[in-house]
Amino acid sequence: MPGIERVRVRGPGVFRRRITVRAATHYRNPANLEELVERAVDDRLDRVEPMYRPLVAVRLSWRKD
């Protein structure tokens, strides 16, 4: 996805019931980038069609390199 430099995904487990997506961008003001990442994960889950649909949490951070 344009604007995303690094992504880390943690799936649901024994104690976690949600998918946590941590994304980093070089934009200081990413506007709706967090919403776009969440929508992309939701679209991917629609294609996979899991038996149990986990919640999606997106954490967006700004990286200075």
PDB file of N, CA and C in Angstrom:
ATOM      1  N   MET A   1       0.843  -1.162   0.000  1.00  0.00           N
ATOM      2  CA  MET A   1       0.000   0.000   0.000  1.00  0.00           C
ATOM      3  C   MET A   1       0.899   1.240   0.000  1.00  0.00           C
ATOM      4  N   PRO A   2       0.620   2.200  -0.825  1.00  0.00           N
ATOM      5  CA  PRO A   2       1.439   3.411  -0.878  1.00  0.00           C
ATOM      6  C   PRO A   2       1.384   4.168   0.441  1.00  0.00           C
ATOM      7  N   GLY A   3       2.543   4.616   0.899  1.00  0.00           N
ATOM      8  CA  GLY A   3       2.618   5.377   2.137  1.00  0.00           C
ATOM      9  C   GLY A   3       2.987   4.547   3.342  1.00  0.00           C
ATOM     10  N   ILE A   4       2.869   3.231   3.266  1.00  0.00           N
ATOM     11  CA  ILE A   4       3.205   2.345   4.378  1.00  0.00           C
ATOM     12  C   ILE A   4       4.626   1.844   4.179  1.00  0.00           C
ATOM     13  N   GLU A   5       5.461   2.027   5.183  1.00  0.00           N
ATOM     14  CA  GLU A   5       6.853   1.619   5.096  1.00  0.00           C
ATOM     15  C   GLU A   5       7.094   0.249   5.728  1.00  0.00           C
ATOM     16  N   ARG A   6       6.401  -0.031   6.813  1.00  0.00           N
ATOM     17  CA  ARG A   6       6.617  -1.289   7.526  1.00  0.00           C
ATOM     18  C   ARG A   6       5.306  -1.708   8.186  1.00  0.00           C
ATOM     19  N   VAL A   7       5.034  -3.025   8.182  1.00  0.00           N
ATOM     20  CA  VAL A   7       3.811  -3.545   8.789  1.00  0.00           C
ATOM     21  C   VAL A   7       4.146  -4.776   9.614  1.00  0.00           C
ATOM     22  N   ARG A   8       3.517  -4.872  10.764  1.00  0.00           N
ATOM     23  CA  ARG A   8       3.638  -6.059  11.607  1.00  0.00           C
ATOM     24  C   ARG A   8       2.227  -6.465  12.019  1.00  0.00           C
ATOM     25  N   VAL A   9       1.918  -7.749  11.851  1.00  0.00           N
ATOM     26  CA  VAL A   9       0.580  -8.240  12.134  1.00  0.00           C
ATOM     27  C   VAL A   9       0.661  -9.326  13.196  1.00  0.00           C
ATOM     28  N   ARG A  10      -0.181  -9.212  14.210  1.00  0.00           N
ATOM     29  CA  ARG A  10      -0.312 -10.262  15.217  1.00  0.00           C
ATOM     30  C   ARG A  10      -1.740 -10.775  15.148  1.00  0.00           C
ATOM     31  N   GLY A  11      -1.856 -12.074  14.949  1.00  0.00           N
ATOM     32  CA  GLY A  11      -3.161 -12.684  14.823  1.00  0.00           C
ATOM     33  C   GLY A  11      -3.760 -13.057  16.157  1.00  0.00           C
ATOM     34  N   PRO A  12      -5.002 -13.488  16.129  1.00  0.00           N
ATOM     35  CA  PRO A  12      -5.654 -13.894  17.375  1.00  0.00           C
ATOM     36  C   PRO A  12      -4.994 -15.151  17.932  1.00  0.00           C
ATOM     37  N   GLY A  13      -5.025 -15.273  19.231  1.00  0.00           N
ATOM     38  CA  GLY A  13      -4.434 -16.434  19.888  1.00  0.00           C
ATOM     39  C   GLY A  13      -5.316 -16.882  21.030  1.00  0.00           C
ATOM     40  N   VAL A  14      -4.706 -17.519  21.989  1.00  0.00           N
ATOM     41  CA  VAL A  14      -5.463 -18.034  23.127  1.00  0.00           C
ATOM     42  C   VAL A  14      -6.057 -16.890  23.942  1.00  0.00           C
ATOM     43  N   PHE A  15      -5.276 -15.837  24.177  1.00  0.00           N
ATOM     44  CA  PHE A  15      -5.748 -14.730  24.998  1.00  0.00           C
ATOM     45  C   PHE A  15      -6.153 -13.500  24.188  1.00  0.00           C
ATOM     46  N   ARG A  16      -5.737 -13.428  22.935  1.00  0.00           N
ATOM     47  CA  ARG A  16      -6.085 -12.286  22.078  1.00  0.00           C
ATOM     48  C   ARG A  16      -7.232 -12.678  21.165  1.00  0.00           C
ATOM     49  N   ARG A  17      -8.216 -11.826  21.053  1.00  0.00           N
ATOM     50  CA  ARG A  17      -9.361 -12.108  20.188  1.00  0.00           C
ATOM     51  C   ARG A  17      -9.392 -11.194  18.974  1.00  0.00           C
ATOM     52  N   ARG A  18      -8.338 -10.429  18.777  1.00  0.00           N
ATOM     53  CA  ARG A  18      -8.335  -9.502  17.656  1.00  0.00           C
ATOM     54  C   ARG A  18      -7.032  -9.605  16.872  1.00  0.00           C
ATOM     55  N   ILE A  19      -7.082  -9.115  15.668  1.00  0.00           N
ATOM     56  CA  ILE A  19      -5.889  -8.985  14.842  1.00  0.00           C
ATOM     57  C   ILE A  19      -5.356  -7.570  15.071  1.00  0.00           C
ATOM     58  N   THR A  20      -4.088  -7.470  15.431  1.00  0.00           N
ATOM     59  CA  THR A  20      -3.473  -6.166  15.642  1.00  0.00           C
ATOM     60  C   THR A  20      -2.491  -5.909  14.513  1.00  0.00           C
ATOM     61  N   VAL A  21      -2.703  -4.807  13.805  1.00  0.00           N
ATOM     62  CA  VAL A  21      -1.844  -4.416  12.687  1.00  0.00           C
ATOM     63  C   VAL A  21      -1.107  -3.153  13.108  1.00  0.00           C
ATOM     64  N   ARG A  22       0.212  -3.227  13.136  1.00  0.00           N
ATOM     65  CA  ARG A  22       1.042  -2.054  13.434  1.00  0.00           C
ATOM     66  C   ARG A  22       1.727  -1.640  12.141  1.00  0.00           C
ATOM     67  N   ALA A  23       1.448  -0.433  11.711  1.00  0.00           N
ATOM     68  CA  ALA A  23       2.004   0.065  10.453  1.00  0.00           C
ATOM     69  C   ALA A  23       2.779   1.349  10.724  1.00  0.00           C
ATOM     70  N   ALA A  24       3.825   1.549   9.944  1.00  0.00           N
ATOM     71  CA  ALA A  24       4.645   2.757  10.065  1.00  0.00           C
ATOM     72  C   ALA A  24       4.664   3.487   8.728  1.00  0.00           C
ATOM     73  N   THR A  25       4.654   4.802   8.798  1.00  0.00           N
ATOM     74  CA  THR A  25       4.663   5.633   7.606  1.00  0.00           C
ATOM     75  C   THR A  25       5.644   6.787   7.793  1.00  0.00           C
ATOM     76  N   HIS A  26       6.065   7.380   6.690  1.00  0.00           N
ATOM     77  CA  HIS A  26       6.938   8.549   6.753  1.00  0.00           C
ATOM     78  C   HIS A  26       6.139   9.853   6.747  1.00  0.00           C
ATOM     79  N   TYR A  27       4.821   9.759   6.550  1.00  0.00           N
ATOM     80  CA  TYR A  27       3.987  10.956   6.553  1.00  0.00           C
ATOM     81  C   TYR A  27       3.768  11.436   7.980  1.00  0.00           C
ATOM     82  N   ARG A  28       3.957  12.725   8.209  1.00  0.00           N
ATOM     83  CA  ARG A  28       3.683  13.292   9.530  1.00  0.00           C
ATOM     84  C   ARG A  28       2.195  13.323   9.823  1.00  0.00           C
ATOM     85  N   ASN A  29       1.394  13.654   8.827  1.00  0.00           N
ATOM     86  CA  ASN A  29      -0.053  13.719   8.980  1.00  0.00           C
ATOM     87  C   ASN A  29      -0.666  12.719   8.006  1.00  0.00           C
ATOM     88  N   PRO A  30      -0.877  11.467   8.427  1.00  0.00           N
ATOM     89  CA  PRO A  30      -1.300  10.421   7.498  1.00  0.00           C
ATOM     90  C   PRO A  30      -2.762  10.476   7.090  1.00  0.00           C
ATOM     91  N   ALA A  31      -3.526  11.439   7.562  1.00  0.00           N
ATOM     92  CA  ALA A  31      -4.940  11.619   7.207  1.00  0.00           C
ATOM     93  C   ALA A  31      -5.729  10.342   7.472  1.00  0.00           C
ATOM     94  N   ASN A  32      -6.249   9.686   6.444  1.00  0.00           N
ATOM     95  CA  ASN A  32      -7.094   8.503   6.628  1.00  0.00           C
ATOM     96  C   ASN A  32      -6.340   7.207   6.335  1.00  0.00           C
ATOM     97  N   LEU A  33      -5.038   7.197   6.456  1.00  0.00           N
ATOM     98  CA  LEU A  33      -4.246   6.009   6.152  1.00  0.00           C
ATOM     99  C   LEU A  33      -4.585   4.850   7.083  1.00  0.00           C
ATOM    100  N   GLU A  34      -4.872   5.138   8.334  1.00  0.00           N
ATOM    101  CA  GLU A  34      -5.252   4.088   9.287  1.00  0.00           C
ATOM    102  C   GLU A  34      -6.543   3.401   8.839  1.00  0.00           C
ATOM    103  N   GLU A  35      -7.496   4.193   8.387  1.00  0.00           N
ATOM    104  CA  GLU A  35      -8.766   3.641   7.892  1.00  0.00           C
ATOM    105  C   GLU A  35      -8.544   2.799   6.636  1.00  0.00           C
ATOM    106  N   LEU A  36      -7.655   3.229   5.756  1.00  0.00           N
ATOM    107  CA  LEU A  36      -7.368   2.470   4.543  1.00  0.00           C
ATOM    108  C   LEU A  36      -6.706   1.132   4.854  1.00  0.00           C
ATOM    109  N   VAL A  37      -5.830   1.106   5.858  1.00  0.00           N
ATOM    110  CA  VAL A  37      -5.196  -0.151   6.258  1.00  0.00           C
ATOM    111  C   VAL A  37      -6.245  -1.097   6.826  1.00  0.00           C
ATOM    112  N   GLU A  38      -7.122  -0.576   7.664  1.00  0.00           N
ATOM    113  CA  GLU A  38      -8.181  -1.412   8.243  1.00  0.00           C
ATOM    114  C   GLU A  38      -9.103  -1.965   7.156  1.00  0.00           C
ATOM    115  N   ARG A  39      -9.426  -1.153   6.181  1.00  0.00           N
ATOM    116  CA  ARG A  39     -10.280  -1.604   5.083  1.00  0.00           C
ATOM    117  C   ARG A  39      -9.592  -2.683   4.242  1.00  0.00           C
ATOM    118  N   ALA A  40      -8.269  -2.543   4.037  1.00  0.00           N
ATOM    119  CA  ALA A  40      -7.520  -3.551   3.277  1.00  0.00           C
ATOM    120  C   ALA A  40      -7.493  -4.888   4.019  1.00  0.00           C
ATOM    121  N   VAL A  41      -7.334  -4.853   5.352  1.00  0.00           N
ATOM    122  CA  VAL A  41      -7.354  -6.087   6.134  1.00  0.00           C
ATOM    123  C   VAL A  41      -8.738  -6.711   6.099  1.00  0.00           C
ATOM    124  N   ASP A  42      -9.777  -5.892   6.208  1.00  0.00           N
ATOM    125  CA  ASP A  42     -11.146  -6.413   6.125  1.00  0.00           C
ATOM    126  C   ASP A  42     -11.423  -7.058   4.767  1.00  0.00           C
ATOM    127  N   ASP A  43     -10.952  -6.440   3.693  1.00  0.00           N
ATOM    128  CA  ASP A  43     -11.132  -7.017   2.357  1.00  0.00           C
ATOM    129  C   ASP A  43     -10.432  -8.363   2.239  1.00  0.00           C
ATOM    130  N   ARG A  44      -9.242  -8.449   2.813  1.00  0.00           N
ATOM    131  CA  ARG A  44      -8.499  -9.714   2.776  1.00  0.00           C
ATOM    132  C   ARG A  44      -9.227 -10.793   3.579  1.00  0.00           C
ATOM    133  N   LEU A  45      -9.783 -10.421   4.730  1.00  0.00           N
ATOM    134  CA  LEU A  45     -10.551 -11.381   5.523  1.00  0.00           C
ATOM    135  C   LEU A  45     -11.809 -11.832   4.786  1.00  0.00           C
ATOM    136  N   ASP A  46     -12.416 -10.932   4.009  1.00  0.00           N
ATOM    137  CA  ASP A  46     -13.579 -11.317   3.202  1.00  0.00           C
ATOM    138  C   ASP A  46     -13.211 -12.381   2.178  1.00  0.00           C
ATOM    139  N   ARG A  47     -12.018 -12.264   1.600  1.00  0.00           N
ATOM    140  CA  ARG A  47     -11.582 -13.262   0.615  1.00  0.00           C
ATOM    141  C   ARG A  47     -11.252 -14.603   1.265  1.00  0.00           C
ATOM    142  N   VAL A  48     -10.690 -14.564   2.475  1.00  0.00           N
ATOM    143  CA  VAL A  48     -10.308 -15.791   3.163  1.00  0.00           C
ATOM    144  C   VAL A  48     -11.531 -16.490   3.764  1.00  0.00           C
ATOM    145  N   GLU A  49     -12.526 -15.724   4.184  1.00  0.00           N
ATOM    146  CA  GLU A  49     -13.758 -16.225   4.794  1.00  0.00           C
ATOM    147  C   GLU A  49     -13.487 -17.107   6.012  1.00  0.00           C
ATOM    148  N   PRO A  50     -12.920 -16.534   7.091  1.00  0.00           N
ATOM    149  CA  PRO A  50     -12.662 -17.351   8.283  1.00  0.00           C
ATOM    150  C   PRO A  50     -13.969 -17.747   8.973  1.00  0.00           C
ATOM    151  N   MET A  51     -13.917 -18.840   9.716  1.00  0.00           N
ATOM    152  CA  MET A  51     -15.097 -19.318  10.428  1.00  0.00           C
ATOM    153  C   MET A  51     -15.499 -18.313  11.508  1.00  0.00           C
ATOM    154  N   TYR A  52     -14.513 -17.778  12.201  1.00  0.00           N
ATOM    155  CA  TYR A  52     -14.733 -16.759  13.219  1.00  0.00           C
ATOM    156  C   TYR A  52     -14.077 -15.472  12.742  1.00  0.00           C
ATOM    157  N   ARG A  53     -14.832 -14.388  12.677  1.00  0.00           N
ATOM    158  CA  ARG A  53     -14.310 -13.115  12.183  1.00  0.00           C
ATOM    159  C   ARG A  53     -13.740 -12.299  13.338  1.00  0.00           C
ATOM    160  N   PRO A  54     -12.399 -12.191  13.444  1.00  0.00           N
ATOM    161  CA  PRO A  54     -11.812 -11.434  14.556  1.00  0.00           C
ATOM    162  C   PRO A  54     -11.946  -9.925  14.338  1.00  0.00           C
ATOM    163  N   LEU A  55     -11.881  -9.186  15.427  1.00  0.00           N
ATOM    164  CA  LEU A  55     -11.850  -7.731  15.345  1.00  0.00           C
ATOM    165  C   LEU A  55     -10.491  -7.302  14.815  1.00  0.00           C
ATOM    166  N   VAL A  56     -10.440  -6.155  14.167  1.00  0.00           N
ATOM    167  CA  VAL A  56      -9.186  -5.639  13.611  1.00  0.00           C
ATOM    168  C   VAL A  56      -8.856  -4.329  14.305  1.00  0.00           C
ATOM    169  N   ALA A  57      -7.654  -4.257  14.875  1.00  0.00           N
ATOM    170  CA  ALA A  57      -7.167  -3.031  15.509  1.00  0.00           C
ATOM    171  C   ALA A  57      -5.931  -2.564  14.742  1.00  0.00           C
ATOM    172  N   VAL A  58      -5.925  -1.307  14.325  1.00  0.00           N
ATOM    173  CA  VAL A  58      -4.807  -0.755  13.558  1.00  0.00           C
ATOM    174  C   VAL A  58      -4.116   0.307  14.395  1.00  0.00           C
ATOM    175  N   ARG A  59      -2.804   0.205  14.485  1.00  0.00           N
ATOM    176  CA  ARG A  59      -1.976   1.193  15.164  1.00  0.00           C
ATOM    177  C   ARG A  59      -1.035   1.771  14.117  1.00  0.00           C
ATOM    178  N   LEU A  60      -1.141   3.057  13.880  1.00  0.00           N
ATOM    179  CA  LEU A  60      -0.321   3.718  12.860  1.00  0.00           C
ATOM    180  C   LEU A  60       0.671   4.638  13.554  1.00  0.00           C
ATOM    181  N   SER A  61       1.934   4.537  13.189  1.00  0.00           N
ATOM    182  CA  SER A  61       2.941   5.394  13.785  1.00  0.00           C
ATOM    183  C   SER A  61       3.754   6.076  12.705  1.00  0.00           C
ATOM    184  N   TRP A  62       4.315   7.193  13.076  1.00  0.00           N
ATOM    185  CA  TRP A  62       5.142   7.983  12.166  1.00  0.00           C
ATOM    186  C   TRP A  62       6.596   7.663  12.441  1.00  0.00           C
ATOM    187  N   ARG A  63       7.355   7.334  11.387  1.00  0.00           N
ATOM    188  CA  ARG A  63       8.776   7.012  11.517  1.00  0.00           C
ATOM    189  C   ARG A  63       9.602   8.077  10.842  1.00  0.00           C
ATOM    190  N   LYS A  64      10.634   8.488  11.496  1.00  0.00           N
ATOM    191  CA  LYS A  64      11.572   9.433  10.895  1.00  0.00           C
ATOM    192  C   LYS A  64      12.868   8.660  10.629  1.00  0.00           C
ATOM    193  N   ASP A  65      13.284   8.575   9.388  1.00  0.00           N
ATOM    194  CA  ASP A  65      14.528   7.882   9.030  1.00  0.00           C
ATOM    195  C   ASP A  65      15.572   8.848   8.553  1.00  0.00           C
TER     196      ASP A  65
END
